[in-house]
Amino acid sequence: MSMRIVYFAWVRERIGKGSEELDLPDGVVTVGDLIAHLATLGEEYAAAFEVPQVIRAAIDEEHADHDEPIGTAREIALFPPMTGG
């Protein structure tokens, strides 16, 4: 299954790209599975997702928890916690 993944803030900086299209393996069912899979794609991904529980996600622009199924999403956004200011 091909999916558009979008990265924001320091996640984008560590990976070195703003977005990409990825073919996901069958075992990637939830947001948490996706983050775990991405962390295996190279040093830059491992650095971006070394503390997976802090990563926030949105499926088709709707906030999603890590146990949320990806389903037939068109886009998943991954970003660090927002800080006030």
C-alpha atoms as a PDB file:
ATOM      1  CA  MET A   1       0.000   0.000   0.000  1.00  0.00           C
ATOM      2  CA  SER A   2       1.421   3.368  -1.028  1.00  0.00           C
ATOM      3  CA  MET A   3       1.001   6.278   1.362  1.00  0.00           C
ATOM      4  CA  ARG A   4       2.014   9.941   1.388  1.00  0.00           C
ATOM      5  CA  ILE A   5       3.910  10.751   4.584  1.00  0.00           C
ATOM      6  CA  VAL A   6       4.444  14.415   5.531  1.00  0.00           C
ATOM      7  CA  TYR A   7       6.991  15.535   8.129  1.00  0.00           C
ATOM      8  CA  PHE A   8       6.996  18.783  10.129  1.00  0.00           C
ATOM      9  CA  ALA A   9       9.378  20.794  12.342  1.00  0.00           C
ATOM     10  CA  TRP A  10      12.395  18.889  13.714  1.00  0.00           C
ATOM     11  CA  VAL A  11      11.088  15.593  12.341  1.00  0.00           C
ATOM     12  CA  ARG A  12      11.467  17.120   8.850  1.00  0.00           C
ATOM     13  CA  GLU A  13      14.884  18.550   9.713  1.00  0.00           C
ATOM     14  CA  ARG A  14      16.239  15.227  10.980  1.00  0.00           C
ATOM     15  CA  ILE A  15      14.921  13.216   8.024  1.00  0.00           C
ATOM     16  CA  GLY A  16      15.948  15.862   5.508  1.00  0.00           C
ATOM     17  CA  LYS A  17      12.722  15.975   3.500  1.00  0.00           C
ATOM     18  CA  GLY A  18       9.246  17.397   3.899  1.00  0.00           C
ATOM     19  CA  SER A  19       7.297  14.479   2.477  1.00  0.00           C
ATOM     20  CA  GLU A  20       7.538  11.266   0.532  1.00  0.00           C
ATOM     21  CA  GLU A  21       5.457   8.467  -0.966  1.00  0.00           C
ATOM     22  CA  LEU A  22       6.200   5.106   0.632  1.00  0.00           C
ATOM     23  CA  ASP A  23       5.046   1.564  -0.033  1.00  0.00           C
ATOM     24  CA  LEU A  24       4.184   0.212   3.398  1.00  0.00           C
ATOM     25  CA  PRO A  25       4.577  -3.463   4.327  1.00  0.00           C
ATOM     26  CA  ASP A  26       1.456  -5.455   5.238  1.00  0.00           C
ATOM     27  CA  GLY A  27       2.330  -5.417   8.952  1.00  0.00           C
ATOM     28  CA  VAL A  28       1.989  -1.624   9.153  1.00  0.00           C
ATOM     29  CA  VAL A  29      -1.602  -1.223  10.357  1.00  0.00           C
ATOM     30  CA  THR A  30      -1.561   1.585  12.945  1.00  0.00           C
ATOM     31  CA  VAL A  31       0.178   4.929  13.339  1.00  0.00           C
ATOM     32  CA  GLY A  32       2.491   3.295  15.894  1.00  0.00           C
ATOM     33  CA  ASP A  33       3.378   0.557  13.386  1.00  0.00           C
ATOM     34  CA  LEU A  34       4.186   3.250  10.825  1.00  0.00           C
ATOM     35  CA  ILE A  35       6.495   5.122  13.209  1.00  0.00           C
ATOM     36  CA  ALA A  36       8.267   1.857  14.146  1.00  0.00           C
ATOM     37  CA  HIS A  37       8.683   1.007  10.438  1.00  0.00           C
ATOM     38  CA  LEU A  38      10.014   4.472   9.563  1.00  0.00           C
ATOM     39  CA  ALA A  39      12.609   4.220  12.343  1.00  0.00           C
ATOM     40  CA  THR A  40      14.170   1.273  10.457  1.00  0.00           C
ATOM     41  CA  LEU A  41      14.717   3.150   7.185  1.00  0.00           C
ATOM     42  CA  GLY A  42      18.093   4.669   8.031  1.00  0.00           C
ATOM     43  CA  GLU A  43      20.047   6.732  10.540  1.00  0.00           C
ATOM     44  CA  GLU A  44      18.135   9.947   9.842  1.00  0.00           C
ATOM     45  CA  TYR A  45      14.796   8.197  10.417  1.00  0.00           C
ATOM     46  CA  ALA A  46      16.095   6.484  13.553  1.00  0.00           C
ATOM     47  CA  ALA A  47      17.131   9.910  14.878  1.00  0.00           C
ATOM     48  CA  ALA A  48      13.743  11.452  14.078  1.00  0.00           C
ATOM     49  CA  PHE A  49      11.785   8.647  15.736  1.00  0.00           C
ATOM     50  CA  GLU A  50      14.124   7.651  18.586  1.00  0.00           C
ATOM     51  CA  VAL A  51      11.457   8.652  21.144  1.00  0.00           C
ATOM     52  CA  PRO A  52       8.324   7.498  19.308  1.00  0.00           C
ATOM     53  CA  GLN A  53       5.865   8.329  22.098  1.00  0.00           C
ATOM     54  CA  VAL A  54       6.431  12.085  21.640  1.00  0.00           C
ATOM     55  CA  ILE A  55       5.540  12.007  17.947  1.00  0.00           C
ATOM     56  CA  ARG A  56       2.090  13.335  17.086  1.00  0.00           C
ATOM     57  CA  ALA A  57       0.182  12.225  14.008  1.00  0.00           C
ATOM     58  CA  ALA A  58      -2.687  13.254  11.764  1.00  0.00           C
ATOM     59  CA  ILE A  59      -4.467  10.972   9.317  1.00  0.00           C
ATOM     60  CA  ASP A  60      -5.945  12.965   6.426  1.00  0.00           C
ATOM     61  CA  GLU A  61      -5.615  16.126   8.570  1.00  0.00           C
ATOM     62  CA  GLU A  62      -7.408  14.629  11.598  1.00  0.00           C
ATOM     63  CA  HIS A  63      -5.496  14.079  14.863  1.00  0.00           C
ATOM     64  CA  ALA A  64      -4.761  10.384  15.429  1.00  0.00           C
ATOM     65  CA  ASP A  65      -3.431   8.365  18.362  1.00  0.00           C
ATOM     66  CA  HIS A  66      -0.665   5.800  17.870  1.00  0.00           C
ATOM     67  CA  ASP A  67      -3.118   2.887  18.136  1.00  0.00           C
ATOM     68  CA  GLU A  68      -5.354   4.327  15.410  1.00  0.00           C
ATOM     69  CA  PRO A  69      -5.611   2.210  12.237  1.00  0.00           C
ATOM     70  CA  ILE A  70      -4.203   3.802   9.101  1.00  0.00           C
ATOM     71  CA  GLY A  71      -6.893   2.205   6.932  1.00  0.00           C
ATOM     72  CA  THR A  72      -7.144   3.769   3.484  1.00  0.00           C
ATOM     73  CA  ALA A  73      -5.650   7.125   4.455  1.00  0.00           C
ATOM     74  CA  ARG A  74      -4.347   9.310   1.651  1.00  0.00           C
ATOM     75  CA  GLU A  75      -1.885  11.192   3.856  1.00  0.00           C
ATOM     76  CA  ILE A  76      -0.296  10.840   7.268  1.00  0.00           C
ATOM     77  CA  ALA A  77       1.457  13.791   8.901  1.00  0.00           C
ATOM     78  CA  LEU A  78       4.041  13.270  11.648  1.00  0.00           C
ATOM     79  CA  PHE A  79       5.228  16.089  13.886  1.00  0.00           C
ATOM     80  CA  PRO A  80       6.704  16.791  17.315  1.00  0.00           C
ATOM     81  CA  PRO A  81       4.615  18.136  20.195  1.00  0.00           C
ATOM     82  CA  MET A  82       3.491  21.708  19.676  1.00  0.00           C
ATOM     83  CA  THR A  83       4.872  24.274  22.076  1.00  0.00           C
ATOM     84  CA  GLY A  84       3.043  27.384  23.178  1.00  0.00           C
ATOM     85  CA  GLY A  85       4.352  30.794  22.464  1.00  0.00           C
END
